[in-house]
Amino acid sequence: IDCLKKNQQLLHLFFQERTGSSEAMRTAISEACHQLIDLLTEDIKQLTQAVKIDFSENRLIADAMVSIVSHSGMEMLVQPDAKPGDATGRATRKLNLLLLGALTMEYGMGNTSQGDPHE
């Protein structure tokens, strides 16, 4: 979120060109998003292994995280007069709910192959 605040012109270009008329720019932004999701997927995998949790949907979680943060960035562009922490707070709550949902899917839906996450 801090990066988004400091790079509002780049963020504006990102959102404008993500669906814009330039195929080359759309392709480049799409590839950059895929690379970001790939890197975040690896980070999630490493972090969850460190705490002995193994999400089966790391890439899906990473994709959703990028969507949440992108939406918050767009919200900050559209509502520049809003309190600085509003979008950040909402994004943090959404990310927490996403991870809580992922934990519920892994351990609360009858998936016993992973064991107890609290062991």
C-alpha atoms as a PDB file:
ATOM      1  CA  ILE A   1       0.000   0.000   0.000  1.00  0.00           C
ATOM      2  CA  ASP A   2       2.847   2.395   0.807  1.00  0.00           C
ATOM      3  CA  CYS A   3       4.321   1.711  -2.621  1.00  0.00           C
ATOM      4  CA  LEU A   4       0.971   2.573  -4.186  1.00  0.00           C
ATOM      5  CA  LYS A   5       0.827   5.877  -2.308  1.00  0.00           C
ATOM      6  CA  LYS A   6       4.330   6.850  -3.469  1.00  0.00           C
ATOM      7  CA  ASN A   7       3.765   5.893  -7.120  1.00  0.00           C
ATOM      8  CA  GLN A   8       0.333   7.212  -7.929  1.00  0.00           C
ATOM      9  CA  GLN A   9       1.214   8.131 -11.521  1.00  0.00           C
ATOM     10  CA  LEU A  10       2.465   4.618 -12.212  1.00  0.00           C
ATOM     11  CA  LEU A  11      -0.600   3.193 -10.534  1.00  0.00           C
ATOM     12  CA  HIS A  12      -2.860   5.377 -12.650  1.00  0.00           C
ATOM     13  CA  LEU A  13      -1.030   4.215 -15.798  1.00  0.00           C
ATOM     14  CA  PHE A  14      -1.364   0.607 -14.644  1.00  0.00           C
ATOM     15  CA  PHE A  15      -5.138   0.844 -14.202  1.00  0.00           C
ATOM     16  CA  GLN A  16      -5.629   2.892 -17.362  1.00  0.00           C
ATOM     17  CA  GLU A  17      -3.597   0.579 -19.566  1.00  0.00           C
ATOM     18  CA  ARG A  18      -4.672  -2.700 -17.999  1.00  0.00           C
ATOM     19  CA  THR A  19      -7.817  -2.450 -20.097  1.00  0.00           C
ATOM     20  CA  GLY A  20      -6.583   0.239 -22.500  1.00  0.00           C
ATOM     21  CA  SER A  21      -6.310   0.241 -26.244  1.00  0.00           C
ATOM     22  CA  SER A  22      -2.618  -0.625 -26.506  1.00  0.00           C
ATOM     23  CA  GLU A  23      -2.254  -4.389 -26.882  1.00  0.00           C
ATOM     24  CA  ALA A  24       1.479  -4.196 -26.145  1.00  0.00           C
ATOM     25  CA  MET A  25       0.847  -2.360 -22.875  1.00  0.00           C
ATOM     26  CA  ARG A  26      -1.963  -4.749 -21.854  1.00  0.00           C
ATOM     27  CA  THR A  27       0.339  -7.694 -22.563  1.00  0.00           C
ATOM     28  CA  ALA A  28       3.219  -6.158 -20.592  1.00  0.00           C
ATOM     29  CA  ILE A  29       0.968  -5.391 -17.609  1.00  0.00           C
ATOM     30  CA  SER A  30      -0.525  -8.870 -17.729  1.00  0.00           C
ATOM     31  CA  GLU A  31       2.943 -10.432 -17.761  1.00  0.00           C
ATOM     32  CA  ALA A  32       4.058  -8.211 -14.877  1.00  0.00           C
ATOM     33  CA  CYS A  33       0.984  -9.255 -12.869  1.00  0.00           C
ATOM     34  CA  HIS A  34       1.721 -12.927 -13.544  1.00  0.00           C
ATOM     35  CA  GLN A  35       5.325 -12.435 -12.413  1.00  0.00           C
ATOM     36  CA  LEU A  36       4.151 -10.687  -9.251  1.00  0.00           C
ATOM     37  CA  ILE A  37       1.703 -13.515  -8.535  1.00  0.00           C
ATOM     38  CA  ASP A  38       4.451 -16.090  -9.155  1.00  0.00           C
ATOM     39  CA  LEU A  39       6.792 -14.335  -6.709  1.00  0.00           C
ATOM     40  CA  LEU A  40       4.055 -13.940  -4.113  1.00  0.00           C
ATOM     41  CA  THR A  41       3.119 -17.622  -4.542  1.00  0.00           C
ATOM     42  CA  GLU A  42       6.691 -18.606  -3.710  1.00  0.00           C
ATOM     43  CA  ASP A  43       6.749 -16.257  -0.701  1.00  0.00           C
ATOM     44  CA  ILE A  44       3.506 -17.749   0.607  1.00  0.00           C
ATOM     45  CA  LYS A  45       4.859 -21.251   0.120  1.00  0.00           C
ATOM     46  CA  GLN A  46       8.035 -20.437   2.056  1.00  0.00           C
ATOM     47  CA  LEU A  47       6.190 -18.645   4.850  1.00  0.00           C
ATOM     48  CA  THR A  48       3.615 -21.383   5.292  1.00  0.00           C
ATOM     49  CA  GLN A  49       6.292 -24.068   5.332  1.00  0.00           C
ATOM     50  CA  ALA A  50       8.076 -22.154   8.089  1.00  0.00           C
ATOM     51  CA  VAL A  51       4.967 -22.433  10.286  1.00  0.00           C
ATOM     52  CA  LYS A  52       4.173 -25.970   9.084  1.00  0.00           C
ATOM     53  CA  ILE A  53       1.056 -25.070   7.131  1.00  0.00           C
ATOM     54  CA  ASP A  54       0.730 -26.199   3.543  1.00  0.00           C
ATOM     55  CA  PHE A  55      -1.980 -24.421   1.580  1.00  0.00           C
ATOM     56  CA  SER A  56      -3.031 -26.374  -1.475  1.00  0.00           C
ATOM     57  CA  GLU A  57      -4.011 -23.181  -3.323  1.00  0.00           C
ATOM     58  CA  ASN A  58      -0.974 -20.891  -2.914  1.00  0.00           C
ATOM     59  CA  ARG A  59      -1.315 -19.387  -6.390  1.00  0.00           C
ATOM     60  CA  LEU A  60      -5.023 -18.721  -5.948  1.00  0.00           C
ATOM     61  CA  ILE A  61      -4.315 -17.028  -2.617  1.00  0.00           C
ATOM     62  CA  ALA A  62      -1.564 -14.907  -4.208  1.00  0.00           C
ATOM     63  CA  ASP A  63      -3.875 -13.925  -7.069  1.00  0.00           C
ATOM     64  CA  ALA A  64      -6.593 -12.869  -4.623  1.00  0.00           C
ATOM     65  CA  MET A  65      -4.049 -10.890  -2.563  1.00  0.00           C
ATOM     66  CA  VAL A  66      -2.930  -8.976  -5.653  1.00  0.00           C
ATOM     67  CA  SER A  67      -6.570  -8.253  -6.532  1.00  0.00           C
ATOM     68  CA  ILE A  68      -7.286  -6.944  -3.035  1.00  0.00           C
ATOM     69  CA  VAL A  69      -4.261  -4.648  -3.022  1.00  0.00           C
ATOM     70  CA  SER A  70      -4.978  -3.484  -6.595  1.00  0.00           C
ATOM     71  CA  HIS A  71      -8.524  -2.612  -5.616  1.00  0.00           C
ATOM     72  CA  SER A  72      -7.258  -0.652  -2.627  1.00  0.00           C
ATOM     73  CA  GLY A  73      -4.851   1.232  -4.850  1.00  0.00           C
ATOM     74  CA  MET A  74      -7.648   2.109  -7.234  1.00  0.00           C
ATOM     75  CA  GLU A  75      -9.780   3.203  -4.289  1.00  0.00           C
ATOM     76  CA  MET A  76      -7.005   5.546  -3.135  1.00  0.00           C
ATOM     77  CA  LEU A  77      -6.799   7.085  -6.620  1.00  0.00           C
ATOM     78  CA  VAL A  78     -10.532   7.608  -6.884  1.00  0.00           C
ATOM     79  CA  GLN A  79     -10.933   8.986  -3.354  1.00  0.00           C
ATOM     80  CA  PRO A  80      -7.802  11.078  -2.698  1.00  0.00           C
ATOM     81  CA  ASP A  81      -9.537  13.029   0.083  1.00  0.00           C
ATOM     82  CA  ALA A  82     -10.303   9.932   2.149  1.00  0.00           C
ATOM     83  CA  LYS A  83      -8.341   9.340   5.331  1.00  0.00           C
ATOM     84  CA  PRO A  84      -4.990   7.700   4.489  1.00  0.00           C
ATOM     85  CA  GLY A  85      -5.591   4.659   6.674  1.00  0.00           C
ATOM     86  CA  ASP A  86      -9.089   3.855   5.406  1.00  0.00           C
ATOM     87  CA  ALA A  87      -8.095   1.936   2.274  1.00  0.00           C
ATOM     88  CA  THR A  88      -5.110   0.382   4.037  1.00  0.00           C
ATOM     89  CA  GLY A  89      -7.276  -0.791   6.928  1.00  0.00           C
ATOM     90  CA  ARG A  90      -9.883  -2.298   4.619  1.00  0.00           C
ATOM     91  CA  ALA A  91      -7.193  -4.037   2.569  1.00  0.00           C
ATOM     92  CA  THR A  92      -5.634  -5.462   5.727  1.00  0.00           C
ATOM     93  CA  ARG A  93      -8.999  -6.787   6.925  1.00  0.00           C
ATOM     94  CA  LYS A  94      -9.699  -8.324   3.508  1.00  0.00           C
ATOM     95  CA  LEU A  95      -6.279  -9.997   3.443  1.00  0.00           C
ATOM     96  CA  ASN A  96      -6.826 -11.353   6.960  1.00  0.00           C
ATOM     97  CA  LEU A  97     -10.220 -12.738   5.955  1.00  0.00           C
ATOM     98  CA  LEU A  98      -8.682 -14.303   2.852  1.00  0.00           C
ATOM     99  CA  LEU A  99      -6.050 -16.093   4.933  1.00  0.00           C
ATOM    100  CA  LEU A 100      -8.621 -17.119   7.537  1.00  0.00           C
ATOM    101  CA  GLY A 101     -10.732 -18.572   4.731  1.00  0.00           C
ATOM    102  CA  ALA A 102      -7.717 -20.427   3.339  1.00  0.00           C
ATOM    103  CA  LEU A 103      -7.030 -21.912   6.781  1.00  0.00           C
ATOM    104  CA  THR A 104     -10.677 -22.893   7.108  1.00  0.00           C
ATOM    105  CA  MET A 105     -10.617 -24.574   3.709  1.00  0.00           C
ATOM    106  CA  GLU A 106      -7.454 -26.512   4.582  1.00  0.00           C
ATOM    107  CA  TYR A 107      -8.271 -27.529   8.140  1.00  0.00           C
ATOM    108  CA  GLY A 108     -11.945 -26.911   8.724  1.00  0.00           C
ATOM    109  CA  MET A 109     -13.473 -28.734   5.781  1.00  0.00           C
ATOM    110  CA  GLY A 110     -12.456 -32.268   6.613  1.00  0.00           C
ATOM    111  CA  ASN A 111      -8.949 -32.131   5.154  1.00  0.00           C
ATOM    112  CA  THR A 112      -7.130 -34.306   7.658  1.00  0.00           C
ATOM    113  CA  SER A 113      -4.094 -35.009   5.492  1.00  0.00           C
ATOM    114  CA  GLN A 114      -2.404 -31.853   6.756  1.00  0.00           C
ATOM    115  CA  GLY A 115      -2.765 -32.603  10.459  1.00  0.00           C
ATOM    116  CA  ASP A 116      -3.564 -30.053  13.114  1.00  0.00           C
ATOM    117  CA  PRO A 117      -2.147 -26.570  12.317  1.00  0.00           C
ATOM    118  CA  HIS A 118      -1.732 -25.899  16.053  1.00  0.00           C
ATOM    119  CA  GLU A 119       0.626 -28.825  16.731  1.00  0.00           C
END
